[in-house]
Full PDB file with SEQRES, HELIX, SHEET, SSBOND, CRYST1, ORIGX, SCALE, CONECT and MASTER records, all heavy atoms in Angstrom:
SEQRES   1 A   33  SER GLU ASP GLU ALA ILE GLU ARG ALA VAL ALA GLN ILE          
SEQRES   2 A   33  LEU ALA ASP VAL LYS THR ARG GLY ASP ALA ALA VAL LEU          
SEQRES   3 A   33  ASP TYR THR ASN LYS PHE ASP                                  
HELIX    1 AA1 GLU A    4  ARG A   20  1                                  17    
HELIX    2 AA2 ASP A   22  PHE A   32  1                                  11    
CRYST1    1.000    1.000    1.000  90.00  90.00  90.00 P 1           1          
ORIGX1      1.000000  0.000000  0.000000        0.00000                         
ORIGX2      0.000000  1.000000  0.000000        0.00000                         
ORIGX3      0.000000  0.000000  1.000000        0.00000                         
SCALE1      1.000000  0.000000  0.000000        0.00000                         
SCALE2      0.000000  1.000000  0.000000        0.00000                         
SCALE3      0.000000  0.000000  1.000000        0.00000                         
ATOM      1  N   SER A   1       0.887  -1.261   0.026  1.00  0.00           N  
ATOM      2  CA  SER A   1      -0.008  -0.026  -0.072  1.00  0.00           C  
ATOM      3  C   SER A   1       0.902   1.203  -0.095  1.00  0.00           C  
ATOM      4  O   SER A   1       1.874   1.332   0.712  1.00  0.00           O  
ATOM      5  CB  SER A   1      -0.899   0.034   1.112  1.00  0.00           C  
ATOM      6  OG  SER A   1      -0.076  -0.044   2.455  1.00  0.00           O  
ATOM      7  N   GLU A   2       0.449   2.164  -0.794  1.00  0.00           N  
ATOM      8  CA  GLU A   2       1.227   3.400  -0.922  1.00  0.00           C  
ATOM      9  C   GLU A   2       0.381   4.490  -0.168  1.00  0.00           C  
ATOM     10  O   GLU A   2      -0.594   5.020  -0.626  1.00  0.00           O  
ATOM     11  CB  GLU A   2       1.475   3.853  -2.309  1.00  0.00           C  
ATOM     12  CG  GLU A   2       2.520   2.969  -2.985  1.00  0.00           C  
ATOM     13  CD  GLU A   2       2.863   3.492  -4.391  1.00  0.00           C  
ATOM     14  OE1 GLU A   2       2.455   4.590  -4.750  1.00  0.00           O  
ATOM     15  OE2 GLU A   2       3.588   2.813  -5.054  1.00  0.00           O  
ATOM     16  N   ASP A   3       0.780   4.776   1.102  1.00  0.00           N  
ATOM     17  CA  ASP A   3       0.086   5.726   1.923  1.00  0.00           C  
ATOM     18  C   ASP A   3       0.349   7.172   1.254  1.00  0.00           C  
ATOM     19  O   ASP A   3       1.354   7.615   1.287  1.00  0.00           O  
ATOM     20  CB  ASP A   3       0.472   5.665   3.284  1.00  0.00           C  
ATOM     21  CG  ASP A   3      -0.269   6.512   4.263  1.00  0.00           C  
ATOM     22  OD1 ASP A   3      -0.346   7.795   4.034  1.00  0.00           O  
ATOM     23  OD2 ASP A   3      -0.842   5.978   5.243  1.00  0.00           O  
ATOM     24  N   GLU A   4      -0.815   7.698   0.963  1.00  0.00           N  
ATOM     25  CA  GLU A   4      -0.709   9.158   0.318  1.00  0.00           C  
ATOM     26  C   GLU A   4       0.024  10.176   1.297  1.00  0.00           C  
ATOM     27  O   GLU A   4       0.810  11.050   0.836  1.00  0.00           O  
ATOM     28  CB  GLU A   4      -2.116   9.656  -0.066  1.00  0.00           C  
ATOM     29  CG  GLU A   4      -2.687   8.913  -1.280  1.00  0.00           C  
ATOM     30  CD  GLU A   4      -3.965   9.540  -1.759  1.00  0.00           C  
ATOM     31  OE1 GLU A   4      -4.263  10.705  -1.333  1.00  0.00           O  
ATOM     32  OE2 GLU A   4      -4.577   8.947  -2.541  1.00  0.00           O  
ATOM     33  N   ALA A   5      -0.169  10.067   2.466  1.00  0.00           N  
ATOM     34  CA  ALA A   5       0.394  11.002   3.484  1.00  0.00           C  
ATOM     35  C   ALA A   5       1.813  10.668   3.525  1.00  0.00           C  
ATOM     36  O   ALA A   5       2.762  11.675   3.482  1.00  0.00           O  
ATOM     37  CB  ALA A   5      -0.247  10.791   4.832  1.00  0.00           C  
ATOM     38  N   ILE A   6       2.402   9.410   3.456  1.00  0.00           N  
ATOM     39  CA  ILE A   6       3.759   9.170   3.579  1.00  0.00           C  
ATOM     40  C   ILE A   6       4.455   9.584   2.199  1.00  0.00           C  
ATOM     41  O   ILE A   6       5.449  10.273   2.182  1.00  0.00           O  
ATOM     42  CB  ILE A   6       3.863   7.685   3.628  1.00  0.00           C  
ATOM     43  CG1 ILE A   6       3.678   7.197   5.006  1.00  0.00           C  
ATOM     44  CG2 ILE A   6       5.421   7.215   3.373  1.00  0.00           C  
ATOM     45  CD1 ILE A   6       3.623   5.718   5.283  1.00  0.00           C  
ATOM     46  N   GLU A   7       3.757   9.455   1.147  1.00  0.00           N  
ATOM     47  CA  GLU A   7       4.207   9.873  -0.231  1.00  0.00           C  
ATOM     48  C   GLU A   7       4.497  11.242  -0.260  1.00  0.00           C  
ATOM     49  O   GLU A   7       5.482  11.796  -0.820  1.00  0.00           O  
ATOM     50  CB  GLU A   7       3.349   9.295  -1.300  1.00  0.00           C  
ATOM     51  CG  GLU A   7       3.247   7.772  -1.504  1.00  0.00           C  
ATOM     52  CD  GLU A   7       4.667   7.123  -1.864  1.00  0.00           C  
ATOM     53  OE1 GLU A   7       5.375   7.734  -2.682  1.00  0.00           O  
ATOM     54  OE2 GLU A   7       4.891   6.094  -1.255  1.00  0.00           O  
ATOM     55  N   ARG A   8       3.457  12.054   0.207  1.00  0.00           N  
ATOM     56  CA  ARG A   8       3.561  13.320   0.172  1.00  0.00           C  
ATOM     57  C   ARG A   8       4.705  13.956   1.034  1.00  0.00           C  
ATOM     58  O   ARG A   8       5.503  14.847   0.715  1.00  0.00           O  
ATOM     59  CB  ARG A   8       2.227  14.231   0.651  1.00  0.00           C  
ATOM     60  CG  ARG A   8       1.165  14.099  -0.467  1.00  0.00           C  
ATOM     61  CD  ARG A   8      -0.019  15.069  -0.094  1.00  0.00           C  
ATOM     62  NE  ARG A   8      -0.514  14.745   1.333  1.00  0.00           N  
ATOM     63  CZ  ARG A   8      -1.581  13.984   1.550  1.00  0.00           C  
ATOM     64  NH1 ARG A   8      -2.129  13.453   0.428  1.00  0.00           N  
ATOM     65  NH2 ARG A   8      -2.080  13.713   2.690  1.00  0.00           N  
ATOM     66  N   ALA A   9       4.816  13.362   2.215  1.00  0.00           N  
ATOM     67  CA  ALA A   9       5.806  13.668   3.128  1.00  0.00           C  
ATOM     68  C   ALA A   9       7.215  13.528   2.469  1.00  0.00           C  
ATOM     69  O   ALA A   9       8.162  14.308   2.580  1.00  0.00           O  
ATOM     70  CB  ALA A   9       5.660  13.122   4.501  1.00  0.00           C  
ATOM     71  N   VAL A  10       7.351  12.190   2.016  1.00  0.00           N  
ATOM     72  CA  VAL A  10       8.691  11.968   1.460  1.00  0.00           C  
ATOM     73  C   VAL A  10       9.112  12.841   0.207  1.00  0.00           C  
ATOM     74  O   VAL A  10      10.178  13.296   0.133  1.00  0.00           O  
ATOM     75  CB  VAL A  10       8.653  10.531   0.941  1.00  0.00           C  
ATOM     76  CG1 VAL A  10       9.911  10.129   0.230  1.00  0.00           C  
ATOM     77  CG2 VAL A  10       8.608   9.591   2.308  1.00  0.00           C  
ATOM     78  N   ALA A  11       8.125  13.098  -0.546  1.00  0.00           N  
ATOM     79  CA  ALA A  11       8.415  14.042  -1.708  1.00  0.00           C  
ATOM     80  C   ALA A  11       8.857  15.372  -1.246  1.00  0.00           C  
ATOM     81  O   ALA A  11       9.773  15.965  -1.744  1.00  0.00           O  
ATOM     82  CB  ALA A  11       7.091  14.203  -2.528  1.00  0.00           C  
ATOM     83  N   GLN A  12       8.221  15.869  -0.164  1.00  0.00           N  
ATOM     84  CA  GLN A  12       8.597  17.275   0.443  1.00  0.00           C  
ATOM     85  C   GLN A  12       9.978  17.151   1.116  1.00  0.00           C  
ATOM     86  O   GLN A  12      10.877  17.969   0.800  1.00  0.00           O  
ATOM     87  CB  GLN A  12       7.539  17.693   1.509  1.00  0.00           C  
ATOM     88  CG  GLN A  12       7.907  18.984   2.160  1.00  0.00           C  
ATOM     89  CD  GLN A  12       6.951  19.228   3.215  1.00  0.00           C  
ATOM     90  OE1 GLN A  12       5.769  18.785   3.197  1.00  0.00           O  
ATOM     91  NE2 GLN A  12       7.342  20.160   4.021  1.00  0.00           N  
ATOM     92  N   ILE A  13      10.297  16.063   1.799  1.00  0.00           N  
ATOM     93  CA  ILE A  13      11.540  15.898   2.390  1.00  0.00           C  
ATOM     94  C   ILE A  13      12.705  15.914   1.410  1.00  0.00           C  
ATOM     95  O   ILE A  13      13.787  16.497   1.463  1.00  0.00           O  
ATOM     96  CB  ILE A  13      11.562  14.738   3.372  1.00  0.00           C  
ATOM     97  CG1 ILE A  13      10.727  14.889   4.564  1.00  0.00           C  
ATOM     98  CG2 ILE A  13      13.058  14.336   3.736  1.00  0.00           C  
ATOM     99  CD1 ILE A  13      10.515  13.593   5.473  1.00  0.00           C  
ATOM    100  N   LEU A  14      12.519  14.990   0.421  1.00  0.00           N  
ATOM    101  CA  LEU A  14      13.525  14.929  -0.741  1.00  0.00           C  
ATOM    102  C   LEU A  14      13.798  16.233  -1.434  1.00  0.00           C  
ATOM    103  O   LEU A  14      14.948  16.638  -1.636  1.00  0.00           O  
ATOM    104  CB  LEU A  14      13.152  13.754  -1.734  1.00  0.00           C  
ATOM    105  CG  LEU A  14      13.137  12.391  -1.168  1.00  0.00           C  
ATOM    106  CD1 LEU A  14      12.572  11.386  -2.240  1.00  0.00           C  
ATOM    107  CD2 LEU A  14      14.529  12.014  -0.708  1.00  0.00           C  
ATOM    108  N   ALA A  15      12.765  16.882  -1.720  1.00  0.00           N  
ATOM    109  CA  ALA A  15      12.913  18.178  -2.440  1.00  0.00           C  
ATOM    110  C   ALA A  15      13.611  19.171  -1.473  1.00  0.00           C  
ATOM    111  O   ALA A  15      14.414  19.998  -2.002  1.00  0.00           O  
ATOM    112  CB  ALA A  15      11.510  18.803  -2.805  1.00  0.00           C  
ATOM    113  N   ASP A  16      13.317  19.166  -0.189  1.00  0.00           N  
ATOM    114  CA  ASP A  16      14.012  20.073   0.776  1.00  0.00           C  
ATOM    115  C   ASP A  16      15.510  19.807   0.807  1.00  0.00           C  
ATOM    116  O   ASP A  16      16.373  20.639   0.797  1.00  0.00           O  
ATOM    117  CB  ASP A  16      13.239  19.795   2.084  1.00  0.00           C  
ATOM    118  CG  ASP A  16      13.493  21.136   2.965  1.00  0.00           C  
ATOM    119  OD1 ASP A  16      14.074  22.119   2.486  1.00  0.00           O  
ATOM    120  OD2 ASP A  16      13.178  21.002   4.100  1.00  0.00           O  
ATOM    121  N   VAL A  17      15.701  18.475   0.835  1.00  0.00           N  
ATOM    122  CA  VAL A  17      17.310  18.007   1.029  1.00  0.00           C  
ATOM    123  C   VAL A  17      17.861  18.410  -0.196  1.00  0.00           C  
ATOM    124  O   VAL A  17      19.045  18.947  -0.196  1.00  0.00           O  
ATOM    125  CB  VAL A  17      17.307  16.562   1.304  1.00  0.00           C  
ATOM    126  CG1 VAL A  17      18.652  16.084   1.117  1.00  0.00           C  
ATOM    127  CG2 VAL A  17      16.801  16.227   2.616  1.00  0.00           C  
ATOM    128  N   LYS A  18      17.276  18.239  -1.388  1.00  0.00           N  
ATOM    129  CA  LYS A  18      17.951  18.604  -2.735  1.00  0.00           C  
ATOM    130  C   LYS A  18      18.293  20.053  -2.720  1.00  0.00           C  
ATOM    131  O   LYS A  18      19.232  20.506  -3.276  1.00  0.00           O  
ATOM    132  CB  LYS A  18      17.113  18.205  -3.814  1.00  0.00           C  
ATOM    133  CG  LYS A  18      17.701  18.158  -5.216  1.00  0.00           C  
ATOM    134  CD  LYS A  18      16.784  17.677  -6.202  1.00  0.00           C  
ATOM    135  CE  LYS A  18      17.594  17.608  -7.596  1.00  0.00           C  
ATOM    136  NZ  LYS A  18      16.534  17.028  -8.627  1.00  0.00           N  
ATOM    137  N   THR A  19      17.332  20.887  -2.282  1.00  0.00           N  
ATOM    138  CA  THR A  19      17.595  22.415  -2.159  1.00  0.00           C  
ATOM    139  C   THR A  19      18.400  22.835  -1.222  1.00  0.00           C  
ATOM    140  O   THR A  19      19.318  23.622  -1.372  1.00  0.00           O  
ATOM    141  CB  THR A  19      16.100  22.981  -2.120  1.00  0.00           C  
ATOM    142  OG1 THR A  19      15.240  22.588  -3.128  1.00  0.00           O  
ATOM    143  CG2 THR A  19      16.241  24.484  -2.262  1.00  0.00           C  
ATOM    144  N   ARG A  20      18.281  22.457   0.027  1.00  0.00           N  
ATOM    145  CA  ARG A  20      18.914  23.045   1.170  1.00  0.00           C  
ATOM    146  C   ARG A  20      20.021  22.210   1.782  1.00  0.00           C  
ATOM    147  O   ARG A  20      20.821  22.603   2.535  1.00  0.00           O  
ATOM    148  CB  ARG A  20      17.919  23.360   2.306  1.00  0.00           C  
ATOM    149  CG  ARG A  20      16.930  24.419   2.055  1.00  0.00           C  
ATOM    150  CD  ARG A  20      16.284  24.934   3.310  1.00  0.00           C  
ATOM    151  NE  ARG A  20      15.513  23.849   4.076  1.00  0.00           N  
ATOM    152  CZ  ARG A  20      15.586  23.755   5.426  1.00  0.00           C  
ATOM    153  NH1 ARG A  20      16.509  24.541   6.064  1.00  0.00           N  
ATOM    154  NH2 ARG A  20      14.990  22.789   5.998  1.00  0.00           N  
ATOM    155  N   GLY A  21      20.145  21.028   1.369  1.00  0.00           N  
ATOM    156  CA  GLY A  21      21.290  20.167   1.773  1.00  0.00           C  
ATOM    157  C   GLY A  21      21.394  19.825   3.236  1.00  0.00           C  
ATOM    158  O   GLY A  21      20.426  19.540   3.904  1.00  0.00           O  
ATOM    159  N   ASP A  22      22.627  20.199   3.884  1.00  0.00           N  
ATOM    160  CA  ASP A  22      22.854  19.801   5.151  1.00  0.00           C  
ATOM    161  C   ASP A  22      21.726  20.440   6.114  1.00  0.00           C  
ATOM    162  O   ASP A  22      21.328  19.809   7.135  1.00  0.00           O  
ATOM    163  CB  ASP A  22      24.194  20.380   5.641  1.00  0.00           C  
ATOM    164  CG  ASP A  22      25.243  19.428   5.384  1.00  0.00           C  
ATOM    165  OD1 ASP A  22      25.040  18.361   4.886  1.00  0.00           O  
ATOM    166  OD2 ASP A  22      26.553  19.744   5.876  1.00  0.00           O  
ATOM    167  N   ALA A  23      21.284  21.677   5.840  1.00  0.00           N  
ATOM    168  CA  ALA A  23      20.409  22.317   6.625  1.00  0.00           C  
ATOM    169  C   ALA A  23      19.029  21.498   6.902  1.00  0.00           C  
ATOM    170  O   ALA A  23      18.451  21.351   7.932  1.00  0.00           O  
ATOM    171  CB  ALA A  23      20.110  23.767   6.088  1.00  0.00           C  
ATOM    172  N   ALA A  24      18.575  21.019   5.603  1.00  0.00           N  
ATOM    173  CA  ALA A  24      17.402  20.292   5.733  1.00  0.00           C  
ATOM    174  C   ALA A  24      17.696  18.980   6.412  1.00  0.00           C  
ATOM    175  O   ALA A  24      16.804  18.466   7.328  1.00  0.00           O  
ATOM    176  CB  ALA A  24      16.903  20.000   4.311  1.00  0.00           C  
ATOM    177  N   VAL A  25      18.748  18.316   6.134  1.00  0.00           N  
ATOM    178  CA  VAL A  25      18.987  16.983   6.767  1.00  0.00           C  
ATOM    179  C   VAL A  25      19.087  17.191   8.349  1.00  0.00           C  
ATOM    180  O   VAL A  25      18.669  16.373   9.240  1.00  0.00           O  
ATOM    181  CB  VAL A  25      20.313  16.386   6.228  1.00  0.00           C  
ATOM    182  CG1 VAL A  25      20.637  15.235   7.116  1.00  0.00           C  
ATOM    183  CG2 VAL A  25      20.185  16.071   4.803  1.00  0.00           C  
ATOM    184  N   LEU A  26      19.765  18.194   8.732  1.00  0.00           N  
ATOM    185  CA  LEU A  26      19.844  18.632  10.107  1.00  0.00           C  
ATOM    186  C   LEU A  26      18.560  18.841  10.822  1.00  0.00           C  
ATOM    187  O   LEU A  26      18.195  18.277  11.959  1.00  0.00           O  
ATOM    188  CB  LEU A  26      20.806  19.719  10.441  1.00  0.00           C  
ATOM    189  CG  LEU A  26      21.132  20.127  11.810  1.00  0.00           C  
ATOM    190  CD1 LEU A  26      21.915  18.975  12.474  1.00  0.00           C  
ATOM    191  CD2 LEU A  26      21.945  21.368  11.869  1.00  0.00           C  
ATOM    192  N   ASP A  27      17.640  19.630  10.198  1.00  0.00           N  
ATOM    193  CA  ASP A  27      16.313  19.942  10.784  1.00  0.00           C  
ATOM    194  C   ASP A  27      15.561  18.630  10.887  1.00  0.00           C  
ATOM    195  O   ASP A  27      14.976  18.371  11.992  1.00  0.00           O  
ATOM    196  CB  ASP A  27      15.630  20.895   9.806  1.00  0.00           C  
ATOM    197  CG  ASP A  27      16.164  22.301   9.795  1.00  0.00           C  
ATOM    198  OD1 ASP A  27      17.103  22.626  10.821  1.00  0.00           O  
ATOM    199  OD2 ASP A  27      15.769  23.123   8.977  1.00  0.00           O  
ATOM    200  N   TYR A  28      15.450  17.885   9.889  1.00  0.00           N  
ATOM    201  CA  TYR A  28      14.613  16.633   9.964  1.00  0.00           C  
ATOM    202  C   TYR A  28      15.228  15.598  10.988  1.00  0.00           C  
ATOM    203  O   TYR A  28      14.436  14.955  11.717  1.00  0.00           O  
ATOM    204  CB  TYR A  28      14.543  15.990   8.583  1.00  0.00           C  
ATOM    205  CG  TYR A  28      13.696  16.697   7.693  1.00  0.00           C  
ATOM    206  CD1 TYR A  28      14.296  17.332   6.409  1.00  0.00           C  
ATOM    207  CD2 TYR A  28      12.345  17.037   7.939  1.00  0.00           C  
ATOM    208  CE1 TYR A  28      13.472  17.967   5.597  1.00  0.00           C  
ATOM    209  CE2 TYR A  28      11.628  17.786   7.068  1.00  0.00           C  
ATOM    210  CZ  TYR A  28      12.200  18.256   5.821  1.00  0.00           C  
ATOM    211  OH  TYR A  28      11.380  19.041   4.932  1.00  0.00           O  
ATOM    212  N   THR A  29      16.577  15.619  11.080  1.00  0.00           N  
ATOM    213  CA  THR A  29      17.207  14.624  11.992  1.00  0.00           C  
ATOM    214  C   THR A  29      16.927  14.959  13.446  1.00  0.00           C  
ATOM    215  O   THR A  29      16.503  14.169  14.210  1.00  0.00           O  
ATOM    216  CB  THR A  29      18.619  14.474  11.670  1.00  0.00           C  
ATOM    217  OG1 THR A  29      18.885  14.004  10.380  1.00  0.00           O  
ATOM    218  CG2 THR A  29      19.358  13.472  12.626  1.00  0.00           C  
ATOM    219  N   ASN A  30      17.130  16.273  13.753  1.00  0.00           N  
ATOM    220  CA  ASN A  30      16.923  16.798  15.046  1.00  0.00           C  
ATOM    221  C   ASN A  30      15.403  16.625  15.592  1.00  0.00           C  
ATOM    222  O   ASN A  30      15.069  16.297  16.553  1.00  0.00           O  
ATOM    223  CB  ASN A  30      17.243  18.146  15.215  1.00  0.00           C  
ATOM    224  CG  ASN A  30      18.718  18.482  15.368  1.00  0.00           C  
ATOM    225  OD1 ASN A  30      19.404  17.613  15.723  1.00  0.00           O  
ATOM    226  ND2 ASN A  30      19.192  19.647  15.062  1.00  0.00           N  
ATOM    227  N   LYS A  31      14.494  16.839  14.503  1.00  0.00           N  
ATOM    228  CA  LYS A  31      13.087  16.685  14.698  1.00  0.00           C  
ATOM    229  C   LYS A  31      12.613  15.241  14.968  1.00  0.00           C  
ATOM    230  O   LYS A  31      12.075  14.873  16.011  1.00  0.00           O  
ATOM    231  CB  LYS A  31      12.244  17.279  13.628  1.00  0.00           C  
ATOM    232  CG  LYS A  31      10.661  17.118  13.856  1.00  0.00           C  
ATOM    233  CD  LYS A  31      10.019  17.714  12.473  1.00  0.00           C  
ATOM    234  CE  LYS A  31       8.403  17.456  12.552  1.00  0.00           C  
ATOM    235  NZ  LYS A  31       7.824  18.038  11.392  1.00  0.00           N  
ATOM    236  N   PHE A  32      12.932  14.395  13.968  1.00  0.00           N  
ATOM    237  CA  PHE A  32      12.483  12.928  14.018  1.00  0.00           C  
ATOM    238  C   PHE A  32      13.235  12.104  15.125  1.00  0.00           C  
ATOM    239  O   PHE A  32      12.646  11.094  15.572  1.00  0.00           O  
ATOM    240  CB  PHE A  32      12.487  12.348  12.681  1.00  0.00           C  
ATOM    241  CG  PHE A  32      11.611  13.031  11.621  1.00  0.00           C  
ATOM    242  CD1 PHE A  32      12.061  13.247  10.359  1.00  0.00           C  
ATOM    243  CD2 PHE A  32      10.381  13.398  12.070  1.00  0.00           C  
ATOM    244  CE1 PHE A  32      11.213  13.966   9.527  1.00  0.00           C  
ATOM    245  CE2 PHE A  32       9.547  13.952  11.050  1.00  0.00           C  
ATOM    246  CZ  PHE A  32      10.102  14.295   9.791  1.00  0.00           C  
ATOM    247  N   ASP A  33      14.529  12.349  15.190  1.00  0.00           N  
ATOM    248  CA  ASP A  33      15.286  11.516  16.099  1.00  0.00           C  
ATOM    249  C   ASP A  33      15.480  12.263  17.525  1.00  0.00           C  
ATOM    250  O   ASP A  33      16.239  11.743  18.426  1.00  0.00           O  
ATOM    251  CB  ASP A  33      16.659  11.096  15.531  1.00  0.00           C  
ATOM    252  CG  ASP A  33      16.369  10.061  14.395  1.00  0.00           C  
ATOM    253  OD1 ASP A  33      15.423   9.564  14.287  1.00  0.00           O  
ATOM    254  OD2 ASP A  33      17.404  10.054  13.610  1.00  0.00           O  
TER     255      ASP A  33                                                      
MASTER        0    0    0    2    0    0    0    6  254    1    0    3          
END                                                                             
């Protein structure tokens, strides 16, 4: 099953990492972990 909420979240995260690099990775890592 492809959960639409998961797919949207992942698409946003990947786009953010592609654009902001380390800053995005750091934000998500601090938040989720």
